[in-house]
Amino acid sequence: MNKRIIISAAFFGALAVIFGAFGAHALKNILSPYGLEIWNKGVQYQFYHTFALLFLSTFARYRNSLINFASYCFTFGIILFSGSLYLLALREQLNLGGLASILGPITPIGGLLFILGWIGLLLAAVRDK
């Protein structure tokens, strides 16, 4: 198992639980229903890709560069995709009006990294003997 990948997954998993609880309790009365939906989408995709990182950690013993590539894609995808959704959901509360125009294009870059991570995993599985 790859220690770096497991530590990343544990960190992002803990944050996903914290952010999920924060959204369900603290933000429930602060955000609009649409803002809560955006927040929850960030939590949802963070969880999906945290589990993907855990799965990758079991294959890391093969020292496959595609596994490392996929883990970096999932890690930075979580930061860009979920992170930008969290900021977009809180843009009014944090007074980030102008920043929203920058955050909007960041979200799809994070989504692209997720896709590339899954493709990396696919290619690693195809190449495995």
Protein backbone atom coordinates (compact mmCIF):
# COMPACT_ATOMS: atom_id res chain seq x y z
CA MET A 1 0.00 0.00 0.00
CA ASN A 2 1.16 3.49 -0.74
CA LYS A 3 1.44 5.58 2.43
CA ARG A 4 1.18 8.93 0.60
CA ILE A 5 -2.06 7.93 -1.12
CA ILE A 6 -3.57 6.55 2.10
CA ILE A 7 -2.67 9.74 4.02
CA SER A 8 -4.24 11.84 1.26
CA ALA A 9 -7.38 9.71 1.30
CA ALA A 10 -7.63 9.88 5.10
CA PHE A 11 -7.22 13.66 5.04
CA PHE A 12 -9.81 14.18 2.31
CA GLY A 13 -12.18 11.65 3.90
CA ALA A 14 -12.07 13.44 7.26
CA LEU A 15 -12.62 16.79 5.53
CA ALA A 16 -15.56 15.38 3.58
CA VAL A 17 -17.24 14.27 6.80
CA ILE A 18 -16.56 17.64 8.43
CA PHE A 19 -17.80 19.57 5.38
CA GLY A 20 -20.86 17.33 5.08
CA ALA A 21 -21.79 17.90 8.71
CA PHE A 22 -21.03 21.61 8.41
CA GLY A 23 -23.33 21.85 5.39
CA ALA A 24 -26.11 19.88 7.07
CA HIS A 25 -26.04 21.83 10.30
CA ALA A 26 -24.23 25.18 10.22
CA LEU A 27 -24.97 26.16 6.62
CA LYS A 28 -28.55 24.88 6.55
CA ASN A 29 -29.96 28.25 7.65
CA ILE A 30 -27.34 30.40 5.94
CA LEU A 31 -27.25 29.17 2.34
CA SER A 32 -30.04 29.15 -0.19
CA PRO A 33 -31.31 25.73 -1.30
CA TYR A 34 -29.25 26.19 -4.48
CA GLY A 35 -26.14 27.07 -2.45
CA LEU A 36 -26.65 23.98 -0.29
CA GLU A 37 -27.02 21.88 -3.42
CA ILE A 38 -23.68 23.19 -4.71
CA TRP A 39 -22.05 22.54 -1.32
CA ASN A 40 -23.42 18.99 -1.17
CA LYS A 41 -22.23 18.27 -4.72
CA GLY A 42 -18.71 19.21 -3.61
CA VAL A 43 -18.96 16.87 -0.62
CA GLN A 44 -20.37 14.08 -2.78
CA TYR A 45 -17.57 14.20 -5.34
CA GLN A 46 -14.96 14.58 -2.61
CA PHE A 47 -16.22 11.33 -1.05
CA TYR A 48 -16.28 9.50 -4.39
CA HIS A 49 -12.70 10.39 -5.15
CA THR A 50 -11.51 9.79 -1.59
CA PHE A 51 -12.71 6.20 -2.02
CA ALA A 52 -11.01 6.11 -5.41
CA LEU A 53 -7.74 7.16 -3.74
CA LEU A 54 -8.12 4.37 -1.19
CA PHE A 55 -8.66 1.92 -4.01
CA LEU A 56 -5.56 3.20 -5.79
CA SER A 57 -3.48 2.69 -2.66
CA THR A 58 -3.96 -1.07 -3.00
CA PHE A 59 -2.39 -1.02 -6.47
CA ALA A 60 0.47 1.30 -5.64
CA ARG A 61 2.70 -1.65 -4.71
CA TYR A 62 3.17 -2.22 -8.44
CA ARG A 63 5.12 1.07 -8.69
CA ASN A 64 3.02 1.88 -11.71
CA SER A 65 3.41 5.45 -12.92
CA LEU A 66 -0.21 5.42 -14.09
CA ILE A 67 -1.37 4.73 -10.52
CA ASN A 68 0.65 7.71 -9.32
CA PHE A 69 -0.74 9.80 -12.16
CA ALA A 70 -4.30 8.81 -11.23
CA SER A 71 -3.70 9.59 -7.54
CA TYR A 72 -2.41 13.07 -8.37
CA CYS A 73 -5.35 13.66 -10.71
CA PHE A 74 -7.84 12.63 -8.01
CA THR A 75 -6.07 14.71 -5.35
CA PHE A 76 -5.89 17.90 -7.39
CA GLY A 77 -9.35 17.19 -8.81
CA ILE A 78 -10.76 17.21 -5.27
CA ILE A 79 -8.98 20.47 -4.51
CA LEU A 80 -10.10 22.21 -7.70
CA PHE A 81 -13.56 20.68 -8.21
CA SER A 82 -14.86 20.37 -4.67
CA GLY A 83 -12.86 23.34 -3.39
CA SER A 84 -14.26 25.65 -6.05
CA LEU A 85 -17.80 24.40 -5.36
CA TYR A 86 -17.38 25.14 -1.64
CA LEU A 87 -16.22 28.65 -2.43
CA LEU A 88 -19.00 29.16 -4.99
CA ALA A 89 -21.60 28.04 -2.45
CA LEU A 90 -20.21 30.53 0.09
CA ARG A 91 -19.46 33.38 -2.32
CA GLU A 92 -22.11 35.71 -0.89
CA GLN A 93 -21.22 34.96 2.73
CA LEU A 94 -17.49 35.43 2.02
CA ASN A 95 -18.08 38.44 -0.22
CA LEU A 96 -16.44 36.75 -3.22
CA GLY A 97 -18.63 38.31 -5.91
CA GLY A 98 -15.83 39.04 -8.39
CA LEU A 99 -14.00 35.83 -7.61
CA ALA A 100 -16.95 33.78 -8.84
CA SER A 101 -15.97 34.55 -12.43
CA ILE A 102 -12.59 32.92 -11.77
CA LEU A 103 -13.97 29.99 -9.77
CA GLY A 104 -16.51 29.02 -12.43
CA PRO A 105 -13.86 27.86 -14.93
CA ILE A 106 -11.82 26.10 -12.20
CA THR A 107 -14.59 23.60 -11.44
CA PRO A 108 -14.47 21.95 -14.90
CA ILE A 109 -10.68 21.70 -14.68
CA GLY A 110 -11.14 19.69 -11.49
CA GLY A 111 -13.73 17.55 -13.29
CA LEU A 112 -11.28 16.98 -16.13
CA LEU A 113 -8.69 15.84 -13.60
CA PHE A 114 -11.22 13.35 -12.21
CA ILE A 115 -11.78 11.97 -15.71
CA LEU A 116 -8.04 11.75 -16.37
CA GLY A 117 -7.60 9.92 -13.06
CA TRP A 118 -10.19 7.31 -14.03
CA ILE A 119 -8.56 6.93 -17.45
CA GLY A 120 -5.19 6.49 -15.71
CA LEU A 121 -6.69 3.74 -13.56
CA LEU A 122 -8.17 2.07 -16.64
CA LEU A 123 -4.83 2.13 -18.46
CA ALA A 124 -3.01 0.81 -15.39
CA ALA A 125 -5.44 -2.12 -15.20
CA VAL A 126 -5.08 -2.86 -18.92
CA ARG A 127 -1.29 -2.83 -18.66
CA ASP A 128 -1.18 -5.00 -15.53
CA LYS A 129 -0.14 -8.60 -16.18
